[in-house]
Amino acid sequence: MSSTSVLSSASNATINVFDTVSNTATAATKLINGISTGADMFERMMNDMDQRHAMRSKLDHADYERELLSSYAEKISSRESAYQRRMADDPIFAKLFAENYAELKTLLNPVVSE
């Protein structure tokens, strides 16, 4: 084997090593870019989900408040309507109801004297 062929082989080997290093660096760069792109996509997805949750929460709160108010208004109205009908039909019940209501209200809200 001549010295020229040895040098040529060494040169080719060196070039192959550099090509391998270059290809590995390119692959590593692509991998890092892919991971970075994936992380960006994940962040955008999480931000979108957070914004949607905030909007849904605001609407759920408004709906819950309306439902709660309607429910209690209906409950109180039904009860008071029944009392009004019974008091209209039974004057003794009406008198006792008014007296007991006033007495119980005083027990719950006593007058504080200074």
Protein backbone atom coordinates (compact mmCIF):
# COMPACT_ATOMS: atom_id res chain seq x y z
CA MET A 1 0.00 0.00 0.00
CA SER A 2 1.39 3.32 -0.99
CA SER A 3 1.62 6.34 1.21
CA THR A 4 -0.83 8.17 -1.07
CA SER A 5 -3.50 5.54 -0.55
CA VAL A 6 -2.91 5.58 3.22
CA LEU A 7 -3.29 9.34 3.26
CA SER A 8 -6.37 9.08 1.06
CA SER A 9 -7.90 6.48 3.36
CA ALA A 10 -7.11 8.60 6.42
CA SER A 11 -8.58 11.62 4.73
CA ASN A 12 -11.75 9.70 3.81
CA ALA A 13 -12.02 8.39 7.36
CA THR A 14 -11.63 11.89 8.75
CA ILE A 15 -14.29 13.17 6.35
CA ASN A 16 -16.60 10.31 7.37
CA VAL A 17 -16.08 11.15 11.04
CA PHE A 18 -16.88 14.81 10.39
CA ASP A 19 -19.94 13.81 8.33
CA THR A 20 -21.13 11.59 11.18
CA VAL A 21 -20.58 14.39 13.72
CA SER A 22 -22.39 16.83 11.43
CA ASN A 23 -25.29 14.44 10.87
CA THR A 24 -25.54 13.77 14.61
CA ALA A 25 -25.53 17.50 15.35
CA THR A 26 -28.23 18.08 12.73
CA ALA A 27 -30.34 15.28 14.19
CA ALA A 28 -29.87 16.64 17.72
CA THR A 29 -30.86 20.14 16.53
CA LYS A 30 -33.99 18.76 14.86
CA LEU A 31 -34.85 16.82 18.02
CA ILE A 32 -34.45 19.92 20.18
CA ASN A 33 -36.51 22.00 17.73
CA GLY A 34 -39.21 19.31 17.74
CA ILE A 35 -39.31 19.24 21.52
CA SER A 36 -39.46 23.04 21.61
CA THR A 37 -42.30 23.09 19.07
CA GLY A 38 -44.16 20.46 21.08
CA ALA A 39 -43.71 22.47 24.27
CA ASP A 40 -45.02 25.61 22.52
CA MET A 41 -48.05 23.69 21.25
CA PHE A 42 -48.70 22.30 24.73
CA GLU A 43 -48.47 25.78 26.26
CA ARG A 44 -50.94 27.20 23.70
CA MET A 45 -53.30 24.29 24.35
CA MET A 46 -53.13 24.86 28.11
CA ASN A 47 -53.72 28.62 27.68
CA ASP A 48 -56.75 27.90 25.47
CA MET A 49 -58.13 25.46 28.03
CA ASP A 50 -57.60 28.00 30.82
CA GLN A 51 -59.41 30.74 28.89
CA ARG A 52 -62.32 28.42 28.06
CA HIS A 53 -62.56 27.29 31.66
CA ALA A 54 -62.66 30.92 32.85
CA MET A 55 -65.48 31.73 30.40
CA ARG A 56 -67.41 28.57 31.33
CA SER A 57 -66.96 29.32 35.03
CA LYS A 58 -68.31 32.86 34.60
CA LEU A 59 -71.41 31.59 32.76
CA ASP A 60 -71.91 28.73 35.24
CA HIS A 61 -71.78 31.24 38.09
CA ALA A 62 -74.42 33.46 36.46
CA ASP A 63 -76.63 30.45 35.71
CA TYR A 64 -76.25 29.12 39.26
CA GLU A 65 -77.19 32.50 40.72
CA ARG A 66 -80.33 32.70 38.54
CA GLU A 67 -81.27 29.11 39.39
CA LEU A 68 -80.75 29.71 43.10
CA LEU A 69 -82.81 32.91 43.09
CA SER A 70 -85.61 31.28 41.06
CA SER A 71 -85.67 28.23 43.29
CA TYR A 72 -85.94 30.22 46.51
CA ALA A 73 -88.44 32.69 45.03
CA GLU A 74 -90.63 29.74 43.98
CA LYS A 75 -90.30 28.03 47.38
CA ILE A 76 -91.14 31.20 49.33
CA SER A 77 -93.99 32.13 46.97
CA SER A 78 -95.57 28.67 47.24
CA ARG A 79 -95.34 28.72 51.02
CA GLU A 80 -96.71 32.27 51.35
CA SER A 81 -99.49 31.55 48.87
CA ALA A 82 -100.55 28.54 50.92
CA TYR A 83 -100.51 30.66 54.10
CA GLN A 84 -102.60 33.38 52.45
CA ARG A 85 -105.21 30.88 51.27
CA ARG A 86 -105.38 29.23 54.70
CA MET A 87 -105.59 32.58 56.52
CA ALA A 88 -108.36 33.70 54.16
CA ASP A 89 -110.30 30.48 54.92
CA ASP A 90 -109.58 30.34 58.69
CA PRO A 91 -109.60 33.62 60.67
CA ILE A 92 -108.49 31.85 63.89
CA PHE A 93 -105.45 30.43 62.11
CA ALA A 94 -104.73 33.91 60.66
CA LYS A 95 -104.82 35.52 64.12
CA LEU A 96 -102.61 32.84 65.72
CA PHE A 97 -100.20 32.86 62.81
CA ALA A 98 -99.70 36.63 63.03
CA GLU A 99 -99.17 36.48 66.83
CA ASN A 100 -96.74 33.55 66.66
CA TYR A 101 -94.85 35.06 63.74
CA ALA A 102 -94.35 38.34 65.63
CA GLU A 103 -93.26 36.51 68.81
CA LEU A 104 -90.78 34.29 66.96
CA LYS A 105 -89.38 37.24 65.03
CA THR A 106 -88.77 39.06 68.33
CA LEU A 107 -86.95 36.01 69.71
CA LEU A 108 -84.65 35.91 66.70
CA ASN A 109 -84.13 39.70 66.57
CA PRO A 110 -84.25 41.01 70.14
CA VAL A 111 -84.29 44.75 70.64
CA VAL A 112 -81.05 45.94 72.25
CA SER A 113 -81.51 48.77 74.71
CA GLU A 114 -78.66 51.15 75.39
